[in-house]
């Protein structure tokens, strides 16, 4: 029987800072600024988006998809079910 692993939720501010550091490293300042302006200034209902993307999945299924994607050789992220 598989033991359930405890899943921790990252602190959003830490996650945002890490994401911006990665964007800066990979894309540079200009592309990162353009990305942030276009993505964070748009009025997006994240709860509605979450429901559309993951409506029929449990947290465990999403976590398993992420782990499978991380260990695969594919560069494409998992698609929602």
C-alpha atoms as a PDB file:
ATOM      1  CA  UNK A   1       0.000   0.000   0.000  1.00  0.00           C
ATOM      2  CA  UNK A   2       1.297   3.431  -0.938  1.00  0.00           C
ATOM      3  CA  UNK A   3       1.867   5.794   1.988  1.00  0.00           C
ATOM      4  CA  UNK A   4       0.405   9.240   1.482  1.00  0.00           C
ATOM      5  CA  UNK A   5       3.038  11.934   1.443  1.00  0.00           C
ATOM      6  CA  UNK A   6       2.317  15.229   3.162  1.00  0.00           C
ATOM      7  CA  UNK A   7       2.215  18.032   0.592  1.00  0.00           C
ATOM      8  CA  UNK A   8       3.268  21.457   1.774  1.00  0.00           C
ATOM      9  CA  UNK A   9       2.128  24.663   0.151  1.00  0.00           C
ATOM     10  CA  UNK A  10       4.900  27.191  -0.484  1.00  0.00           C
ATOM     11  CA  UNK A  11       4.683  30.739   0.802  1.00  0.00           C
ATOM     12  CA  UNK A  12       3.433  32.742  -2.171  1.00  0.00           C
ATOM     13  CA  UNK A  13       5.861  35.649  -1.742  1.00  0.00           C
ATOM     14  CA  UNK A  14       8.814  33.240  -1.700  1.00  0.00           C
ATOM     15  CA  UNK A  15       7.486  31.436  -4.746  1.00  0.00           C
ATOM     16  CA  UNK A  16       6.997  34.703  -6.648  1.00  0.00           C
ATOM     17  CA  UNK A  17      10.532  35.878  -5.776  1.00  0.00           C
ATOM     18  CA  UNK A  18      12.010  32.552  -6.928  1.00  0.00           C
ATOM     19  CA  UNK A  19      10.022  32.666 -10.166  1.00  0.00           C
ATOM     20  CA  UNK A  20      11.197  36.196 -10.921  1.00  0.00           C
ATOM     21  CA  UNK A  21      14.828  35.222 -10.223  1.00  0.00           C
ATOM     22  CA  UNK A  22      14.496  32.298 -12.656  1.00  0.00           C
ATOM     23  CA  UNK A  23      12.866  34.477 -15.302  1.00  0.00           C
ATOM     24  CA  UNK A  24      15.632  37.072 -14.954  1.00  0.00           C
ATOM     25  CA  UNK A  25      18.310  34.389 -15.238  1.00  0.00           C
ATOM     26  CA  UNK A  26      16.751  32.715 -18.290  1.00  0.00           C
ATOM     27  CA  UNK A  27      15.132  35.632 -20.128  1.00  0.00           C
ATOM     28  CA  UNK A  28      17.011  38.727 -19.016  1.00  0.00           C
ATOM     29  CA  UNK A  29      15.628  41.983 -17.655  1.00  0.00           C
ATOM     30  CA  UNK A  30      13.719  43.240 -20.711  1.00  0.00           C
ATOM     31  CA  UNK A  31      11.853  40.000 -21.466  1.00  0.00           C
ATOM     32  CA  UNK A  32      11.114  39.434 -17.772  1.00  0.00           C
ATOM     33  CA  UNK A  33       9.707  42.956 -17.412  1.00  0.00           C
ATOM     34  CA  UNK A  34       7.567  42.431 -20.529  1.00  0.00           C
ATOM     35  CA  UNK A  35       6.315  39.082 -19.200  1.00  0.00           C
ATOM     36  CA  UNK A  36       5.454  40.522 -15.785  1.00  0.00           C
ATOM     37  CA  UNK A  37       3.690  43.540 -17.281  1.00  0.00           C
ATOM     38  CA  UNK A  38       1.555  41.388 -19.569  1.00  0.00           C
ATOM     39  CA  UNK A  39       0.769  38.665 -17.059  1.00  0.00           C
ATOM     40  CA  UNK A  40       0.344  40.475 -13.771  1.00  0.00           C
ATOM     41  CA  UNK A  41      -1.527  43.498 -15.037  1.00  0.00           C
ATOM     42  CA  UNK A  42      -4.246  41.434 -16.715  1.00  0.00           C
ATOM     43  CA  UNK A  43      -7.451  40.938 -14.757  1.00  0.00           C
ATOM     44  CA  UNK A  44      -7.454  37.164 -14.409  1.00  0.00           C
ATOM     45  CA  UNK A  45      -9.798  35.276 -12.153  1.00  0.00           C
ATOM     46  CA  UNK A  46      -7.307  32.700 -10.892  1.00  0.00           C
ATOM     47  CA  UNK A  47      -9.968  30.706  -9.070  1.00  0.00           C
ATOM     48  CA  UNK A  48     -11.978  30.356 -12.275  1.00  0.00           C
ATOM     49  CA  UNK A  49      -8.822  29.414 -14.198  1.00  0.00           C
ATOM     50  CA  UNK A  50      -7.927  26.841 -11.533  1.00  0.00           C
ATOM     51  CA  UNK A  51     -11.395  25.344 -11.756  1.00  0.00           C
ATOM     52  CA  UNK A  52     -11.203  25.121 -15.551  1.00  0.00           C
ATOM     53  CA  UNK A  53      -7.731  23.548 -15.531  1.00  0.00           C
ATOM     54  CA  UNK A  54      -8.059  21.139 -12.603  1.00  0.00           C
ATOM     55  CA  UNK A  55     -11.804  20.757 -11.994  1.00  0.00           C
ATOM     56  CA  UNK A  56     -11.884  16.959 -12.047  1.00  0.00           C
ATOM     57  CA  UNK A  57      -8.495  16.330 -10.409  1.00  0.00           C
ATOM     58  CA  UNK A  58      -7.622  15.838  -6.772  1.00  0.00           C
ATOM     59  CA  UNK A  59      -4.577  17.466  -5.202  1.00  0.00           C
ATOM     60  CA  UNK A  60      -2.946  14.044  -5.147  1.00  0.00           C
ATOM     61  CA  UNK A  61      -3.491  13.583  -8.913  1.00  0.00           C
ATOM     62  CA  UNK A  62      -2.041  17.003  -9.671  1.00  0.00           C
ATOM     63  CA  UNK A  63       0.947  16.260  -7.431  1.00  0.00           C
ATOM     64  CA  UNK A  64       1.523  12.894  -9.132  1.00  0.00           C
ATOM     65  CA  UNK A  65       1.345  14.568 -12.560  1.00  0.00           C
ATOM     66  CA  UNK A  66       3.958  17.102 -11.488  1.00  0.00           C
ATOM     67  CA  UNK A  67       6.250  14.400 -10.113  1.00  0.00           C
ATOM     68  CA  UNK A  68       5.874  12.338 -13.305  1.00  0.00           C
ATOM     69  CA  UNK A  69       6.665  15.389 -15.412  1.00  0.00           C
ATOM     70  CA  UNK A  70       9.700  16.278 -13.272  1.00  0.00           C
ATOM     71  CA  UNK A  71      11.189  12.810 -13.650  1.00  0.00           C
ATOM     72  CA  UNK A  72      10.405  12.422 -17.341  1.00  0.00           C
ATOM     73  CA  UNK A  73      12.696  13.464 -20.157  1.00  0.00           C
ATOM     74  CA  UNK A  74       9.892  15.453 -21.771  1.00  0.00           C
ATOM     75  CA  UNK A  75      10.134  19.233 -21.749  1.00  0.00           C
ATOM     76  CA  UNK A  76       6.367  19.627 -21.902  1.00  0.00           C
ATOM     77  CA  UNK A  77       4.411  20.116 -18.663  1.00  0.00           C
ATOM     78  CA  UNK A  78       1.533  17.758 -17.833  1.00  0.00           C
ATOM     79  CA  UNK A  79      -1.811  18.553 -19.424  1.00  0.00           C
ATOM     80  CA  UNK A  80      -4.894  18.855 -17.303  1.00  0.00           C
ATOM     81  CA  UNK A  81      -7.226  15.893 -17.480  1.00  0.00           C
END
